[in-house]
């Protein structure tokens, strides 16, 4: 959440996408109940503050599809496919 982008394997990025999408959907509501639900899943208070103050309002008029997965090619060394997951 802090850097708004992450480089990881394709499989991990695909697993992470629905988790991040749900957090942003809760942040769009912006109420106390949603903040507490997000704090239960994300222990970093700074990340939750950024999520609710900056990222949530940015996507207020968007109904979904907050993230993008871009394939980067194989990793040098073991050949694992890498991907970058980032906010749109």
PDB file of N, CA and C in Angstrom:
ATOM      1  N   UNK A   1       0.816  -1.199   0.000  1.00  0.00           N
ATOM      2  CA  UNK A   1       0.000   0.000   0.000  1.00  0.00           C
ATOM      3  C   UNK A   1       0.859   1.262   0.000  1.00  0.00           C
ATOM      4  N   UNK A   2       1.985   1.202   0.655  1.00  0.00           N
ATOM      5  CA  UNK A   2       2.787   2.412   0.785  1.00  0.00           C
ATOM      6  C   UNK A   2       3.429   2.830  -0.532  1.00  0.00           C
ATOM      7  N   UNK A   3       3.937   1.871  -1.311  1.00  0.00           N
ATOM      8  CA  UNK A   3       4.585   2.230  -2.572  1.00  0.00           C
ATOM      9  C   UNK A   3       3.646   2.095  -3.761  1.00  0.00           C
ATOM     10  N   UNK A   4       2.481   1.515  -3.571  1.00  0.00           N
ATOM     11  CA  UNK A   4       1.443   1.336  -4.583  1.00  0.00           C
ATOM     12  C   UNK A   4       1.862   0.418  -5.716  1.00  0.00           C
ATOM     13  N   UNK A   5       2.981  -0.307  -5.568  1.00  0.00           N
ATOM     14  CA  UNK A   5       3.412  -1.284  -6.562  1.00  0.00           C
ATOM     15  C   UNK A   5       4.305  -2.314  -5.876  1.00  0.00           C
ATOM     16  N   UNK A   6       4.302  -3.541  -6.423  1.00  0.00           N
ATOM     17  CA  UNK A   6       5.073  -4.624  -5.830  1.00  0.00           C
ATOM     18  C   UNK A   6       5.495  -5.575  -6.935  1.00  0.00           C
ATOM     19  N   UNK A   7       6.756  -5.986  -6.932  1.00  0.00           N
ATOM     20  CA  UNK A   7       7.243  -6.975  -7.882  1.00  0.00           C
ATOM     21  C   UNK A   7       7.334  -8.308  -7.160  1.00  0.00           C
ATOM     22  N   UNK A   8       6.677  -9.325  -7.711  1.00  0.00           N
ATOM     23  CA  UNK A   8       6.624 -10.646  -7.109  1.00  0.00           C
ATOM     24  C   UNK A   8       6.397 -11.670  -8.216  1.00  0.00           C
ATOM     25  N   UNK A   9       6.142 -12.911  -7.853  1.00  0.00           N
ATOM     26  CA  UNK A   9       5.858 -13.922  -8.869  1.00  0.00           C
ATOM     27  C   UNK A   9       4.431 -13.750  -9.375  1.00  0.00           C
ATOM     28  N   UNK A  10       4.166 -14.295 -10.547  1.00  0.00           N
ATOM     29  CA  UNK A  10       2.841 -14.171 -11.153  1.00  0.00           C
ATOM     30  C   UNK A  10       1.782 -14.804 -10.257  1.00  0.00           C
ATOM     31  N   UNK A  11       2.071 -15.969  -9.701  1.00  0.00           N
ATOM     32  CA  UNK A  11       1.105 -16.665  -8.853  1.00  0.00           C
ATOM     33  C   UNK A  11       0.768 -15.854  -7.612  1.00  0.00           C
ATOM     34  N   UNK A  12       1.776 -15.301  -6.962  1.00  0.00           N
ATOM     35  CA  UNK A  12       1.531 -14.497  -5.763  1.00  0.00           C
ATOM     36  C   UNK A  12       0.762 -13.220  -6.095  1.00  0.00           C
ATOM     37  N   UNK A  13       1.039 -12.631  -7.244  1.00  0.00           N
ATOM     38  CA  UNK A  13       0.321 -11.424  -7.659  1.00  0.00           C
ATOM     39  C   UNK A  13      -1.152 -11.730  -7.889  1.00  0.00           C
ATOM     40  N   UNK A  14      -1.448 -12.883  -8.491  1.00  0.00           N
ATOM     41  CA  UNK A  14      -2.837 -13.262  -8.740  1.00  0.00           C
ATOM     42  C   UNK A  14      -3.579 -13.548  -7.444  1.00  0.00           C
ATOM     43  N   UNK A  15      -2.879 -14.059  -6.434  1.00  0.00           N
ATOM     44  CA  UNK A  15      -3.493 -14.303  -5.126  1.00  0.00           C
ATOM     45  C   UNK A  15      -3.703 -12.985  -4.386  1.00  0.00           C
ATOM     46  N   UNK A  16      -2.781 -12.055  -4.543  1.00  0.00           N
ATOM     47  CA  UNK A  16      -2.831 -10.773  -3.836  1.00  0.00           C
ATOM     48  C   UNK A  16      -3.909  -9.843  -4.378  1.00  0.00           C
ATOM     49  N   UNK A  17      -4.214  -9.934  -5.662  1.00  0.00           N
ATOM     50  CA  UNK A  17      -5.141  -8.999  -6.310  1.00  0.00           C
ATOM     51  C   UNK A  17      -6.509  -8.926  -5.632  1.00  0.00           C
ATOM     52  N   UNK A  18      -7.235 -10.036  -5.400  1.00  0.00           N
ATOM     53  CA  UNK A  18      -8.557  -9.898  -4.769  1.00  0.00           C
ATOM     54  C   UNK A  18      -8.480  -9.344  -3.345  1.00  0.00           C
ATOM     55  N   UNK A  19      -7.405  -9.644  -2.637  1.00  0.00           N
ATOM     56  CA  UNK A  19      -7.216  -9.135  -1.280  1.00  0.00           C
ATOM     57  C   UNK A  19      -7.118  -7.607  -1.297  1.00  0.00           C
ATOM     58  N   UNK A  20      -6.310  -7.067  -2.203  1.00  0.00           N
ATOM     59  CA  UNK A  20      -6.127  -5.617  -2.311  1.00  0.00           C
ATOM     60  C   UNK A  20      -7.407  -4.947  -2.799  1.00  0.00           C
ATOM     61  N   UNK A  21      -8.083  -5.574  -3.754  1.00  0.00           N
ATOM     62  CA  UNK A  21      -9.325  -5.004  -4.291  1.00  0.00           C
ATOM     63  C   UNK A  21     -10.372  -4.851  -3.183  1.00  0.00           C
ATOM     64  N   UNK A  22     -10.485  -5.848  -2.322  1.00  0.00           N
ATOM     65  CA  UNK A  22     -11.464  -5.777  -1.230  1.00  0.00           C
ATOM     66  C   UNK A  22     -11.098  -4.692  -0.221  1.00  0.00           C
ATOM     67  N   UNK A  23      -9.803  -4.538   0.061  1.00  0.00           N
ATOM     68  CA  UNK A  23      -9.378  -3.486   0.987  1.00  0.00           C
ATOM     69  C   UNK A  23      -9.701  -2.100   0.433  1.00  0.00           C
ATOM     70  N   UNK A  24      -9.476  -1.896  -0.853  1.00  0.00           N
ATOM     71  CA  UNK A  24      -9.757  -0.590  -1.458  1.00  0.00           C
ATOM     72  C   UNK A  24     -11.256  -0.330  -1.490  1.00  0.00           C
ATOM     73  N   UNK A  25     -12.049  -1.362  -1.741  1.00  0.00           N
ATOM     74  CA  UNK A  25     -13.506  -1.198  -1.732  1.00  0.00           C
ATOM     75  C   UNK A  25     -13.986  -0.764  -0.352  1.00  0.00           C
ATOM     76  N   UNK A  26     -13.406  -1.340   0.698  1.00  0.00           N
ATOM     77  CA  UNK A  26     -13.767  -0.924   2.059  1.00  0.00           C
ATOM     78  C   UNK A  26     -13.298   0.502   2.330  1.00  0.00           C
ATOM     79  N   UNK A  27     -12.139   0.873   1.803  1.00  0.00           N
ATOM     80  CA  UNK A  27     -11.610   2.226   2.018  1.00  0.00           C
ATOM     81  C   UNK A  27     -12.455   3.270   1.305  1.00  0.00           C
ATOM     82  N   UNK A  28     -13.112   2.895   0.227  1.00  0.00           N
ATOM     83  CA  UNK A  28     -13.981   3.839  -0.480  1.00  0.00           C
ATOM     84  C   UNK A  28     -15.137   4.278   0.400  1.00  0.00           C
ATOM     85  N   UNK A  29     -15.628   3.382   1.265  1.00  0.00           N
ATOM     86  CA  UNK A  29     -16.732   3.736   2.164  1.00  0.00           C
ATOM     87  C   UNK A  29     -16.279   4.804   3.157  1.00  0.00           C
ATOM     88  N   UNK A  30     -15.080   4.630   3.709  1.00  0.00           N
ATOM     89  CA  UNK A  30     -14.494   5.646   4.563  1.00  0.00           C
ATOM     90  C   UNK A  30     -15.069   5.764   5.960  1.00  0.00           C
ATOM     91  N   UNK A  31     -15.952   4.862   6.367  1.00  0.00           N
ATOM     92  CA  UNK A  31     -16.542   4.969   7.701  1.00  0.00           C
ATOM     93  C   UNK A  31     -15.698   4.222   8.738  1.00  0.00           C
ATOM     94  N   UNK A  32     -16.036   4.404   9.990  1.00  0.00           N
ATOM     95  CA  UNK A  32     -15.271   3.827  11.089  1.00  0.00           C
ATOM     96  C   UNK A  32     -15.311   2.305  11.066  1.00  0.00           C
ATOM     97  N   UNK A  33     -16.457   1.736  10.747  1.00  0.00           N
ATOM     98  CA  UNK A  33     -16.580   0.280  10.700  1.00  0.00           C
ATOM     99  C   UNK A  33     -15.638  -0.311   9.646  1.00  0.00           C
ATOM    100  N   UNK A  34     -15.592   0.293   8.485  1.00  0.00           N
ATOM    101  CA  UNK A  34     -14.700  -0.185   7.420  1.00  0.00           C
ATOM    102  C   UNK A  34     -13.239  -0.056   7.835  1.00  0.00           C
ATOM    103  N   UNK A  35     -12.904   1.047   8.493  1.00  0.00           N
ATOM    104  CA  UNK A  35     -11.524   1.242   8.952  1.00  0.00           C
ATOM    105  C   UNK A  35     -11.127   0.160   9.952  1.00  0.00           C
ATOM    106  N   UNK A  36     -12.022  -0.195  10.844  1.00  0.00           N
ATOM    107  CA  UNK A  36     -11.716  -1.240  11.827  1.00  0.00           C
ATOM    108  C   UNK A  36     -11.580  -2.607  11.167  1.00  0.00           C
ATOM    109  N   UNK A  37     -12.399  -2.875  10.152  1.00  0.00           N
ATOM    110  CA  UNK A  37     -12.278  -4.136   9.423  1.00  0.00           C
ATOM    111  C   UNK A  37     -10.923  -4.227   8.718  1.00  0.00           C
ATOM    112  N   UNK A  38     -10.481  -3.132   8.132  1.00  0.00           N
ATOM    113  CA  UNK A  38      -9.193  -3.123   7.445  1.00  0.00           C
ATOM    114  C   UNK A  38      -8.052  -3.232   8.450  1.00  0.00           C
ATOM    115  N   UNK A  39      -8.159  -2.549   9.581  1.00  0.00           N
ATOM    116  CA  UNK A  39      -7.116  -2.631  10.611  1.00  0.00           C
ATOM    117  C   UNK A  39      -6.967  -4.043  11.164  1.00  0.00           C
ATOM    118  N   UNK A  40      -8.038  -4.830  11.138  1.00  0.00           N
ATOM    119  CA  UNK A  40      -7.957  -6.213  11.593  1.00  0.00           C
ATOM    120  C   UNK A  40      -7.112  -7.059  10.640  1.00  0.00           C
ATOM    121  N   UNK A  41      -7.055  -6.679   9.368  1.00  0.00           N
ATOM    122  CA  UNK A  41      -6.296  -7.444   8.379  1.00  0.00           C
ATOM    123  C   UNK A  41      -4.917  -6.853   8.095  1.00  0.00           C
ATOM    124  N   UNK A  42      -4.788  -5.531   8.223  1.00  0.00           N
ATOM    125  CA  UNK A  42      -3.516  -4.851   7.945  1.00  0.00           C
ATOM    126  C   UNK A  42      -3.043  -4.198   9.237  1.00  0.00           C
ATOM    127  N   UNK A  43      -2.015  -4.730   9.880  1.00  0.00           N
ATOM    128  CA  UNK A  43      -1.592  -4.190  11.175  1.00  0.00           C
ATOM    129  C   UNK A  43      -0.827  -2.871  11.091  1.00  0.00           C
ATOM    130  N   UNK A  44      -0.403  -2.461   9.906  1.00  0.00           N
ATOM    131  CA  UNK A  44       0.376  -1.234   9.749  1.00  0.00           C
ATOM    132  C   UNK A  44      -0.560  -0.027   9.705  1.00  0.00           C
ATOM    133  N   UNK A  45      -0.534   0.777  10.750  1.00  0.00           N
ATOM    134  CA  UNK A  45      -1.444   1.917  10.869  1.00  0.00           C
ATOM    135  C   UNK A  45      -1.181   2.979   9.798  1.00  0.00           C
ATOM    136  N   UNK A  46       0.083   3.171   9.417  1.00  0.00           N
ATOM    137  CA  UNK A  46       0.408   4.155   8.379  1.00  0.00           C
ATOM    138  C   UNK A  46      -0.180   3.749   7.030  1.00  0.00           C
ATOM    139  N   UNK A  47      -0.126   2.458   6.720  1.00  0.00           N
ATOM    140  CA  UNK A  47      -0.683   1.970   5.452  1.00  0.00           C
ATOM    141  C   UNK A  47      -2.195   2.141   5.425  1.00  0.00           C
ATOM    142  N   UNK A  48      -2.856   1.899   6.551  1.00  0.00           N
ATOM    143  CA  UNK A  48      -4.313   2.054   6.615  1.00  0.00           C
ATOM    144  C   UNK A  48      -4.690   3.525   6.477  1.00  0.00           C
ATOM    145  N   UNK A  49      -3.924   4.404   7.094  1.00  0.00           N
ATOM    146  CA  UNK A  49      -4.189   5.837   6.972  1.00  0.00           C
ATOM    147  C   UNK A  49      -4.061   6.287   5.524  1.00  0.00           C
ATOM    148  N   UNK A  50      -3.015   5.843   4.842  1.00  0.00           N
ATOM    149  CA  UNK A  50      -2.846   6.197   3.430  1.00  0.00           C
ATOM    150  C   UNK A  50      -3.976   5.609   2.595  1.00  0.00           C
ATOM    151  N   UNK A  51      -4.377   4.391   2.909  1.00  0.00           N
ATOM    152  CA  UNK A  51      -5.454   3.736   2.170  1.00  0.00           C
ATOM    153  C   UNK A  51      -6.748   4.529   2.270  1.00  0.00           C
ATOM    154  N   UNK A  52      -7.085   5.001   3.458  1.00  0.00           N
ATOM    155  CA  UNK A  52      -8.348   5.708   3.655  1.00  0.00           C
ATOM    156  C   UNK A  52      -8.278   7.183   3.260  1.00  0.00           C
ATOM    157  N   UNK A  53      -7.112   7.818   3.403  1.00  0.00           N
ATOM    158  CA  UNK A  53      -7.006   9.254   3.112  1.00  0.00           C
ATOM    159  C   UNK A  53      -6.669   9.562   1.656  1.00  0.00           C
ATOM    160  N   UNK A  54      -5.900   8.693   1.000  1.00  0.00           N
ATOM    161  CA  UNK A  54      -5.465   8.976  -0.368  1.00  0.00           C
ATOM    162  C   UNK A  54      -6.049   8.010  -1.395  1.00  0.00           C
ATOM    163  N   UNK A  55      -5.881   6.720  -1.158  1.00  0.00           N
ATOM    164  CA  UNK A  55      -6.247   5.726  -2.172  1.00  0.00           C
ATOM    165  C   UNK A  55      -7.756   5.561  -2.289  1.00  0.00           C
ATOM    166  N   UNK A  56      -8.466   5.480  -1.173  1.00  0.00           N
ATOM    167  CA  UNK A  56      -9.919   5.322  -1.213  1.00  0.00           C
ATOM    168  C   UNK A  56     -10.631   6.433  -1.963  1.00  0.00           C
ATOM    169  N   UNK A  57     -10.378   7.698  -1.625  1.00  0.00           N
ATOM    170  CA  UNK A  57     -11.029   8.791  -2.359  1.00  0.00           C
ATOM    171  C   UNK A  57     -10.637   8.855  -3.838  1.00  0.00           C
ATOM    172  N   UNK A  58      -9.436   8.407  -4.172  1.00  0.00           N
ATOM    173  CA  UNK A  58      -8.995   8.423  -5.568  1.00  0.00           C
ATOM    174  C   UNK A  58      -9.882   7.534  -6.443  1.00  0.00           C
ATOM    175  N   UNK A  59     -10.371   6.427  -5.870  1.00  0.00           N
ATOM    176  CA  UNK A  59     -11.192   5.480  -6.624  1.00  0.00           C
ATOM    177  C   UNK A  59     -12.668   5.569  -6.249  1.00  0.00           C
ATOM    178  N   UNK A  60     -13.117   6.711  -5.768  1.00  0.00           N
ATOM    179  CA  UNK A  60     -14.503   6.865  -5.314  1.00  0.00           C
ATOM    180  C   UNK A  60     -15.511   6.637  -6.430  1.00  0.00           C
ATOM    181  N   UNK A  61     -15.176   6.994  -7.657  1.00  0.00           N
ATOM    182  CA  UNK A  61     -16.126   6.837  -8.754  1.00  0.00           C
ATOM    183  C   UNK A  61     -15.827   5.618  -9.628  1.00  0.00           C
ATOM    184  N   UNK A  62     -14.956   4.742  -9.170  1.00  0.00           N
ATOM    185  CA  UNK A  62     -14.606   3.532  -9.918  1.00  0.00           C
ATOM    186  C   UNK A  62     -15.194   2.320  -9.204  1.00  0.00           C
ATOM    187  N   UNK A  63     -15.836   1.424  -9.946  1.00  0.00           N
ATOM    188  CA  UNK A  63     -16.537   0.297  -9.335  1.00  0.00           C
ATOM    189  C   UNK A  63     -15.686  -0.952  -9.155  1.00  0.00           C
ATOM    190  N   UNK A  64     -14.474  -0.937  -9.511  1.00  0.00           N
ATOM    191  CA  UNK A  64     -13.609  -2.104  -9.367  1.00  0.00           C
ATOM    192  C   UNK A  64     -12.447  -1.987 -10.322  1.00  0.00           C
ATOM    193  N   UNK A  65     -11.598  -3.001 -10.340  1.00  0.00           N
ATOM    194  CA  UNK A  65     -10.446  -2.974 -11.228  1.00  0.00           C
ATOM    195  C   UNK A  65      -9.420  -1.944 -10.813  1.00  0.00           C
ATOM    196  N   UNK A  66      -9.069  -1.951  -9.537  1.00  0.00           N
ATOM    197  CA  UNK A  66      -8.139  -0.958  -9.004  1.00  0.00           C
ATOM    198  C   UNK A  66      -6.683  -1.341  -9.242  1.00  0.00           C
ATOM    199  N   UNK A  67      -6.429  -2.615  -9.576  1.00  0.00           N
ATOM    200  CA  UNK A  67      -5.059  -3.085  -9.717  1.00  0.00           C
ATOM    201  C   UNK A  67      -4.783  -3.574 -11.132  1.00  0.00           C
ATOM    202  N   UNK A  68      -3.508  -3.591 -11.469  1.00  0.00           N
ATOM    203  CA  UNK A  68      -3.050  -4.078 -12.770  1.00  0.00           C
ATOM    204  C   UNK A  68      -1.880  -5.021 -12.517  1.00  0.00           C
ATOM    205  N   UNK A  69      -1.859  -6.155 -13.212  1.00  0.00           N
ATOM    206  CA  UNK A  69      -0.741  -7.088 -13.139  1.00  0.00           C
ATOM    207  C   UNK A  69      -0.026  -7.066 -14.486  1.00  0.00           C
ATOM    208  N   UNK A  70       1.253  -6.727 -14.455  1.00  0.00           N
ATOM    209  CA  UNK A  70       2.075  -6.677 -15.655  1.00  0.00           C
ATOM    210  C   UNK A  70       3.152  -7.750 -15.552  1.00  0.00           C
ATOM    211  N   UNK A  71       3.212  -8.645 -16.520  1.00  0.00           N
ATOM    212  CA  UNK A  71       4.230  -9.694 -16.509  1.00  0.00           C
ATOM    213  C   UNK A  71       5.567  -9.112 -16.949  1.00  0.00           C
ATOM    214  N   UNK A  72       6.626  -9.484 -16.220  1.00  0.00           N
ATOM    215  CA  UNK A  72       7.951  -8.930 -16.455  1.00  0.00           C
ATOM    216  C   UNK A  72       8.919  -9.912 -17.097  1.00  0.00           C
ATOM    217  N   UNK A  73       8.548 -11.170 -17.204  1.00  0.00           N
ATOM    218  CA  UNK A  73       9.441 -12.172 -17.771  1.00  0.00           C
ATOM    219  C   UNK A  73      10.059 -13.029 -16.682  1.00  0.00           C
ATOM    220  N   UNK A  74      10.923 -13.947 -17.076  1.00  0.00           N
ATOM    221  CA  UNK A  74      11.507 -14.873 -16.095  1.00  0.00           C
ATOM    222  C   UNK A  74      12.576 -14.211 -15.223  1.00  0.00           C
ATOM    223  N   UNK A  75      12.638 -14.680 -13.982  1.00  0.00           N
ATOM    224  CA  UNK A  75      13.659 -14.193 -13.048  1.00  0.00           C
ATOM    225  C   UNK A  75      14.986 -14.864 -13.372  1.00  0.00           C
ATOM    226  N   UNK A  76      16.030 -14.103 -13.296  1.00  0.00           N
ATOM    227  CA  UNK A  76      17.357 -14.644 -13.545  1.00  0.00           C
ATOM    228  C   UNK A  76      17.749 -15.540 -12.380  1.00  0.00           C
ATOM    229  N   UNK A  77      18.165 -16.730 -12.665  1.00  0.00           N
ATOM    230  CA  UNK A  77      18.586 -17.643 -11.608  1.00  0.00           C
ATOM    231  C   UNK A  77      17.731 -18.887 -11.571  1.00  0.00           C
ATOM    232  N   UNK A  78      16.413 -18.719 -11.373  1.00  0.00           N
ATOM    233  CA  UNK A  78      15.556 -19.901 -11.303  1.00  0.00           C
ATOM    234  C   UNK A  78      14.461 -19.917 -12.366  1.00  0.00           C
ATOM    235  N   UNK A  79      14.329 -18.850 -13.159  1.00  0.00           N
ATOM    236  CA  UNK A  79      13.380 -18.851 -14.264  1.00  0.00           C
ATOM    237  C   UNK A  79      11.928 -18.650 -13.886  1.00  0.00           C
ATOM    238  N   UNK A  80      11.651 -18.299 -12.650  1.00  0.00           N
ATOM    239  CA  UNK A  80      10.272 -18.062 -12.222  1.00  0.00           C
ATOM    240  C   UNK A  80       9.727 -16.806 -12.894  1.00  0.00           C
ATOM    241  N   UNK A  81       8.488 -16.893 -13.377  1.00  0.00           N
ATOM    242  CA  UNK A  81       7.859 -15.745 -14.031  1.00  0.00           C
ATOM    243  C   UNK A  81       7.581 -14.646 -13.003  1.00  0.00           C
ATOM    244  N   UNK A  82       8.051 -13.451 -13.273  1.00  0.00           N
ATOM    245  CA  UNK A  82       7.832 -12.315 -12.383  1.00  0.00           C
ATOM    246  C   UNK A  82       6.719 -11.432 -12.922  1.00  0.00           C
ATOM    247  N   UNK A  83       6.066 -10.732 -12.003  1.00  0.00           N
ATOM    248  CA  UNK A  83       5.005  -9.798 -12.378  1.00  0.00           C
ATOM    249  C   UNK A  83       5.044  -8.614 -11.430  1.00  0.00           C
ATOM    250  N   UNK A  84       4.504  -7.514 -11.891  1.00  0.00           N
ATOM    251  CA  UNK A  84       4.393  -6.307 -11.068  1.00  0.00           C
ATOM    252  C   UNK A  84       2.918  -6.024 -10.886  1.00  0.00           C
ATOM    253  N   UNK A  85       2.475  -5.977  -9.628  1.00  0.00           N
ATOM    254  CA  UNK A  85       1.092  -5.618  -9.328  1.00  0.00           C
ATOM    255  C   UNK A  85       1.114  -4.179  -8.840  1.00  0.00           C
ATOM    256  N   UNK A  86       0.265  -3.348  -9.443  1.00  0.00           N
ATOM    257  CA  UNK A  86       0.265  -1.925  -9.110  1.00  0.00           C
ATOM    258  C   UNK A  86      -1.149  -1.378  -9.169  1.00  0.00           C
ATOM    259  N   UNK A  87      -1.346  -0.259  -8.517  1.00  0.00           N
ATOM    260  CA  UNK A  87      -2.640   0.405  -8.559  1.00  0.00           C
ATOM    261  C   UNK A  87      -2.772   1.151  -9.870  1.00  0.00           C
ATOM    262  N   UNK A  88      -3.966   1.127 -10.441  1.00  0.00           N
ATOM    263  CA  UNK A  88      -4.212   1.787 -11.727  1.00  0.00           C
ATOM    264  C   UNK A  88      -4.278   3.284 -11.517  1.00  0.00           C
TER     265      UNK A  88
END
